[in-house]
Amino acid sequence: MVGIRHLRGGSAIAETILRAEVGVTAGLLTIEHRGADGMKIEQSVELAPIAMPRGGQRWCFVCPVTGGLARKLYRYPGLWHFCSRKGLPEPVTYGCQRDSAAKRTMRQIWELRERLGDKGPLLGSLAEPDGMSEAEFLRHVRRYLQLASRLNFSPHGIKMRKAS
């Protein structure tokens, strides 16, 4: 038996208890879960071994929805069960997967400027931060110019300056 407490800001928001019974050729995992949304779930999921090429075996879940093997099970708010990603009612994506290419590029530029300690405009001048080697700064500048070129901005207006 394994108990997992899910924390947010130091406070428990959800709890999960897992119990497994494993034989040589099959197993069963019992999940008791109280989610952050207050939903309580008790579910049993079959386990199946997969032979590995160099010997031994790896245990996988048998998805209760699709019947396929899965390495991970998911439970999203509003669902009354755990299942594989393929068993979810609609495709699940990460937020960044729904971003356009331009938005991803701009986010990367902002992250790079933040790494350089710069709070200026998106395509303003860059300053070498104190304590950063010139080689590292130049590596960041090359990446910055590469990203700016994706947005079809002219790099001619970009000035490099030493931090004061």
C-alpha atoms as a PDB file:
ATOM      1  CA  MET A   1       0.000   0.000   0.000  1.00  0.00           C
ATOM      2  CA  VAL A   2       1.228   3.461  -0.920  1.00  0.00           C
ATOM      3  CA  GLY A   3      -0.382   6.736   0.135  1.00  0.00           C
ATOM      4  CA  ILE A   4       0.181   9.919  -1.842  1.00  0.00           C
ATOM      5  CA  ARG A   5      -0.806  13.379  -0.634  1.00  0.00           C
ATOM      6  CA  HIS A   6      -1.043  16.035  -3.342  1.00  0.00           C
ATOM      7  CA  LEU A   7       0.016  19.467  -2.048  1.00  0.00           C
ATOM      8  CA  ARG A   8      -0.503  22.993  -3.304  1.00  0.00           C
ATOM      9  CA  GLY A   9       0.944  25.852  -1.306  1.00  0.00           C
ATOM     10  CA  GLY A  10       1.744  23.465   1.555  1.00  0.00           C
ATOM     11  CA  SER A  11      -1.883  22.333   1.936  1.00  0.00           C
ATOM     12  CA  ALA A  12      -3.193  18.903   0.946  1.00  0.00           C
ATOM     13  CA  ILE A  13      -5.654  19.242  -1.935  1.00  0.00           C
ATOM     14  CA  ALA A  14      -6.015  15.561  -2.870  1.00  0.00           C
ATOM     15  CA  GLU A  15      -5.089  12.106  -1.591  1.00  0.00           C
ATOM     16  CA  THR A  16      -4.530   8.809  -3.355  1.00  0.00           C
ATOM     17  CA  ILE A  17      -4.057   5.339  -1.869  1.00  0.00           C
ATOM     18  CA  LEU A  18      -2.737   2.545  -4.118  1.00  0.00           C
ATOM     19  CA  ARG A  19      -2.908  -1.177  -3.325  1.00  0.00           C
ATOM     20  CA  ALA A  20      -1.406  -3.735  -5.698  1.00  0.00           C
ATOM     21  CA  GLU A  21      -1.775  -7.499  -5.873  1.00  0.00           C
ATOM     22  CA  VAL A  22       0.696  -8.947  -8.341  1.00  0.00           C
ATOM     23  CA  GLY A  23       1.051 -12.529  -9.506  1.00  0.00           C
ATOM     24  CA  VAL A  24       3.359 -14.020 -12.116  1.00  0.00           C
ATOM     25  CA  THR A  25       1.154 -13.305 -15.132  1.00  0.00           C
ATOM     26  CA  ALA A  26      -1.407 -10.757 -13.917  1.00  0.00           C
ATOM     27  CA  GLY A  27      -2.063  -8.145 -11.292  1.00  0.00           C
ATOM     28  CA  LEU A  28      -4.667  -5.803  -9.918  1.00  0.00           C
ATOM     29  CA  LEU A  29      -4.245  -2.226  -8.706  1.00  0.00           C
ATOM     30  CA  THR A  30      -6.897  -0.710  -6.454  1.00  0.00           C
ATOM     31  CA  ILE A  31      -7.040   3.082  -6.438  1.00  0.00           C
ATOM     32  CA  GLU A  32      -8.794   5.109  -3.744  1.00  0.00           C
ATOM     33  CA  HIS A  33      -8.696   8.781  -4.697  1.00  0.00           C
ATOM     34  CA  ARG A  34     -10.174  11.970  -3.265  1.00  0.00           C
ATOM     35  CA  GLY A  35      -9.596  14.714  -5.810  1.00  0.00           C
ATOM     36  CA  ALA A  36      -9.170  18.450  -5.447  1.00  0.00           C
ATOM     37  CA  ASP A  37     -12.689  18.773  -6.857  1.00  0.00           C
ATOM     38  CA  GLY A  38     -14.013  16.709  -3.904  1.00  0.00           C
ATOM     39  CA  MET A  39     -14.845  13.697  -6.064  1.00  0.00           C
ATOM     40  CA  LYS A  40     -14.169  10.300  -4.436  1.00  0.00           C
ATOM     41  CA  ILE A  41     -13.184   7.426  -6.688  1.00  0.00           C
ATOM     42  CA  GLU A  42     -12.591   3.748  -5.911  1.00  0.00           C
ATOM     43  CA  GLN A  43     -11.408   1.852  -8.954  1.00  0.00           C
ATOM     44  CA  SER A  44      -9.630  -1.409  -9.743  1.00  0.00           C
ATOM     45  CA  VAL A  45      -7.321  -1.556 -12.755  1.00  0.00           C
ATOM     46  CA  GLU A  46      -5.787  -4.711 -14.205  1.00  0.00           C
ATOM     47  CA  LEU A  47      -2.009  -4.958 -14.549  1.00  0.00           C
ATOM     48  CA  ALA A  48      -0.314  -6.906 -17.348  1.00  0.00           C
ATOM     49  CA  PRO A  49       3.363  -7.794 -17.739  1.00  0.00           C
ATOM     50  CA  ILE A  50       5.309  -7.132 -20.934  1.00  0.00           C
ATOM     51  CA  ALA A  51       8.418  -9.199 -21.624  1.00  0.00           C
ATOM     52  CA  MET A  52      11.519  -7.060 -22.105  1.00  0.00           C
ATOM     53  CA  PRO A  53      14.037  -7.792 -24.919  1.00  0.00           C
ATOM     54  CA  ARG A  54      16.931  -8.498 -22.541  1.00  0.00           C
ATOM     55  CA  GLY A  55      14.911 -10.423 -19.985  1.00  0.00           C
ATOM     56  CA  GLY A  56      12.630  -9.444 -17.168  1.00  0.00           C
ATOM     57  CA  GLN A  57       9.294  -7.770 -17.534  1.00  0.00           C
ATOM     58  CA  ARG A  58       7.643  -4.386 -17.234  1.00  0.00           C
ATOM     59  CA  TRP A  59       4.184  -3.979 -15.728  1.00  0.00           C
ATOM     60  CA  CYS A  60       1.603  -1.876 -17.532  1.00  0.00           C
ATOM     61  CA  PHE A  61      -1.931  -0.816 -16.755  1.00  0.00           C
ATOM     62  CA  VAL A  62      -4.798  -2.216 -18.810  1.00  0.00           C
ATOM     63  CA  CYS A  63      -6.862   0.871 -19.627  1.00  0.00           C
ATOM     64  CA  PRO A  64     -10.404   0.343 -18.322  1.00  0.00           C
ATOM     65  CA  VAL A  65     -11.823   2.340 -21.261  1.00  0.00           C
ATOM     66  CA  THR A  66      -9.840   1.159 -24.309  1.00  0.00           C
ATOM     67  CA  GLY A  67      -8.482  -2.190 -23.069  1.00  0.00           C
ATOM     68  CA  GLY A  68      -5.044  -1.165 -24.354  1.00  0.00           C
ATOM     69  CA  LEU A  69      -1.823  -1.159 -22.348  1.00  0.00           C
ATOM     70  CA  ALA A  70      -0.668   2.094 -20.800  1.00  0.00           C
ATOM     71  CA  ARG A  71       2.340   3.222 -18.762  1.00  0.00           C
ATOM     72  CA  LYS A  72       0.350   6.062 -17.116  1.00  0.00           C
ATOM     73  CA  LEU A  73      -3.239   6.602 -16.080  1.00  0.00           C
ATOM     74  CA  TYR A  74      -4.901  10.000 -15.988  1.00  0.00           C
ATOM     75  CA  ARG A  75      -7.879  11.431 -14.188  1.00  0.00           C
ATOM     76  CA  TYR A  76      -9.088  14.887 -15.108  1.00  0.00           C
ATOM     77  CA  PRO A  77     -11.642  16.933 -13.116  1.00  0.00           C
ATOM     78  CA  GLY A  78     -15.143  15.731 -13.865  1.00  0.00           C
ATOM     79  CA  LEU A  79     -14.097  12.186 -14.812  1.00  0.00           C
ATOM     80  CA  TRP A  80     -15.271   9.379 -12.537  1.00  0.00           C
ATOM     81  CA  HIS A  81     -12.385   7.078 -13.447  1.00  0.00           C
ATOM     82  CA  PHE A  82      -8.693   6.823 -14.312  1.00  0.00           C
ATOM     83  CA  CYS A  83      -7.756   5.834 -17.870  1.00  0.00           C
ATOM     84  CA  SER A  84      -5.041   6.177 -20.507  1.00  0.00           C
ATOM     85  CA  ARG A  85      -4.796   9.346 -22.629  1.00  0.00           C
ATOM     86  CA  LYS A  86      -6.465   7.493 -25.494  1.00  0.00           C
ATOM     87  CA  GLY A  87      -9.419   6.713 -23.231  1.00  0.00           C
ATOM     88  CA  LEU A  88     -10.177  10.339 -22.426  1.00  0.00           C
ATOM     89  CA  PRO A  89     -13.385  11.744 -23.934  1.00  0.00           C
ATOM     90  CA  GLU A  90     -11.512  14.406 -25.909  1.00  0.00           C
ATOM     91  CA  PRO A  91      -7.838  14.819 -26.819  1.00  0.00           C
ATOM     92  CA  VAL A  92      -5.770  16.387 -24.077  1.00  0.00           C
ATOM     93  CA  THR A  93      -2.957  18.779 -24.898  1.00  0.00           C
ATOM     94  CA  TYR A  94      -0.621  20.955 -22.911  1.00  0.00           C
ATOM     95  CA  GLY A  95      -1.325  24.682 -23.108  1.00  0.00           C
ATOM     96  CA  CYS A  96       1.890  25.375 -25.025  1.00  0.00           C
ATOM     97  CA  GLN A  97       0.855  22.849 -27.712  1.00  0.00           C
ATOM     98  CA  ARG A  98      -2.061  25.120 -28.609  1.00  0.00           C
ATOM     99  CA  ASP A  99       0.174  28.195 -29.025  1.00  0.00           C
ATOM    100  CA  SER A 100       0.930  29.475 -32.513  1.00  0.00           C
ATOM    101  CA  ALA A 101       4.527  29.363 -33.752  1.00  0.00           C
ATOM    102  CA  ALA A 102       4.803  33.151 -33.367  1.00  0.00           C
ATOM    103  CA  LYS A 103       3.532  33.027 -29.781  1.00  0.00           C
ATOM    104  CA  ARG A 104       6.018  30.245 -28.891  1.00  0.00           C
ATOM    105  CA  THR A 105       8.837  32.295 -30.441  1.00  0.00           C
ATOM    106  CA  MET A 106       7.845  35.428 -28.533  1.00  0.00           C
ATOM    107  CA  ARG A 107       7.645  33.447 -25.283  1.00  0.00           C
ATOM    108  CA  GLN A 108      11.155  32.102 -25.918  1.00  0.00           C
ATOM    109  CA  ILE A 109      12.443  35.633 -26.579  1.00  0.00           C
ATOM    110  CA  TRP A 110      10.906  36.907 -23.320  1.00  0.00           C
ATOM    111  CA  GLU A 111      12.402  33.959 -21.403  1.00  0.00           C
ATOM    112  CA  LEU A 112      15.805  34.676 -22.934  1.00  0.00           C
ATOM    113  CA  ARG A 113      15.585  38.385 -22.084  1.00  0.00           C
ATOM    114  CA  GLU A 114      14.608  37.446 -18.517  1.00  0.00           C
ATOM    115  CA  ARG A 115      17.645  35.136 -18.304  1.00  0.00           C
ATOM    116  CA  LEU A 116      19.750  38.135 -19.293  1.00  0.00           C
ATOM    117  CA  GLY A 117      18.084  40.206 -16.570  1.00  0.00           C
ATOM    118  CA  ASP A 118      16.589  42.561 -19.149  1.00  0.00           C
ATOM    119  CA  LYS A 119      13.184  44.151 -18.585  1.00  0.00           C
ATOM    120  CA  GLY A 120      13.173  46.235 -21.772  1.00  0.00           C
ATOM    121  CA  PRO A 121      11.022  45.895 -24.904  1.00  0.00           C
ATOM    122  CA  LEU A 122      10.767  42.576 -26.742  1.00  0.00           C
ATOM    123  CA  LEU A 123      13.262  43.516 -29.462  1.00  0.00           C
ATOM    124  CA  GLY A 124      15.260  46.243 -27.701  1.00  0.00           C
ATOM    125  CA  SER A 125      18.957  46.396 -26.932  1.00  0.00           C
ATOM    126  CA  LEU A 126      20.657  43.656 -24.925  1.00  0.00           C
ATOM    127  CA  ALA A 127      23.111  44.195 -22.086  1.00  0.00           C
ATOM    128  CA  GLU A 128      25.645  41.684 -20.813  1.00  0.00           C
ATOM    129  CA  PRO A 129      24.694  41.007 -17.180  1.00  0.00           C
ATOM    130  CA  ASP A 130      27.315  41.277 -14.454  1.00  0.00           C
ATOM    131  CA  GLY A 131      28.871  37.893 -13.732  1.00  0.00           C
ATOM    132  CA  MET A 132      27.993  36.365 -17.121  1.00  0.00           C
ATOM    133  CA  SER A 133      30.906  35.324 -19.315  1.00  0.00           C
ATOM    134  CA  GLU A 134      31.203  36.957 -22.718  1.00  0.00           C
ATOM    135  CA  ALA A 135      30.988  33.537 -24.400  1.00  0.00           C
ATOM    136  CA  GLU A 136      27.702  32.752 -22.652  1.00  0.00           C
ATOM    137  CA  PHE A 137      26.327  36.209 -23.461  1.00  0.00           C
ATOM    138  CA  LEU A 138      27.232  35.799 -27.148  1.00  0.00           C
ATOM    139  CA  ARG A 139      25.534  32.373 -27.180  1.00  0.00           C
ATOM    140  CA  HIS A 140      22.360  34.034 -25.873  1.00  0.00           C
ATOM    141  CA  VAL A 141      22.675  36.864 -28.421  1.00  0.00           C
ATOM    142  CA  ARG A 142      22.973  34.332 -31.293  1.00  0.00           C
ATOM    143  CA  ARG A 143      19.839  32.547 -30.035  1.00  0.00           C
ATOM    144  CA  TYR A 144      18.070  35.898 -29.652  1.00  0.00           C
ATOM    145  CA  LEU A 145      18.862  36.881 -33.260  1.00  0.00           C
ATOM    146  CA  GLN A 146      17.777  33.449 -34.483  1.00  0.00           C
ATOM    147  CA  LEU A 147      14.425  33.819 -32.699  1.00  0.00           C
ATOM    148  CA  ALA A 148      13.964  37.430 -33.885  1.00  0.00           C
ATOM    149  CA  SER A 149      14.527  36.328 -37.496  1.00  0.00           C
ATOM    150  CA  ARG A 150      11.615  33.871 -37.158  1.00  0.00           C
ATOM    151  CA  LEU A 151       9.351  36.837 -36.496  1.00  0.00           C
ATOM    152  CA  ASN A 152      10.671  38.609 -39.639  1.00  0.00           C
ATOM    153  CA  PHE A 153      12.066  41.475 -37.552  1.00  0.00           C
ATOM    154  CA  SER A 154      15.168  43.172 -38.833  1.00  0.00           C
ATOM    155  CA  PRO A 155      18.091  42.616 -36.442  1.00  0.00           C
ATOM    156  CA  HIS A 156      19.644  45.933 -37.601  1.00  0.00           C
ATOM    157  CA  GLY A 157      17.914  47.845 -34.785  1.00  0.00           C
ATOM    158  CA  ILE A 158      19.294  45.545 -32.088  1.00  0.00           C
ATOM    159  CA  LYS A 159      22.234  47.037 -30.201  1.00  0.00           C
ATOM    160  CA  MET A 160      24.569  45.253 -27.823  1.00  0.00           C
ATOM    161  CA  ARG A 161      25.859  47.190 -24.827  1.00  0.00           C
ATOM    162  CA  LYS A 162      27.815  46.475 -21.684  1.00  0.00           C
ATOM    163  CA  ALA A 163      25.808  46.581 -18.476  1.00  0.00           C
ATOM    164  CA  SER A 164      26.561  49.645 -16.406  1.00  0.00           C
END
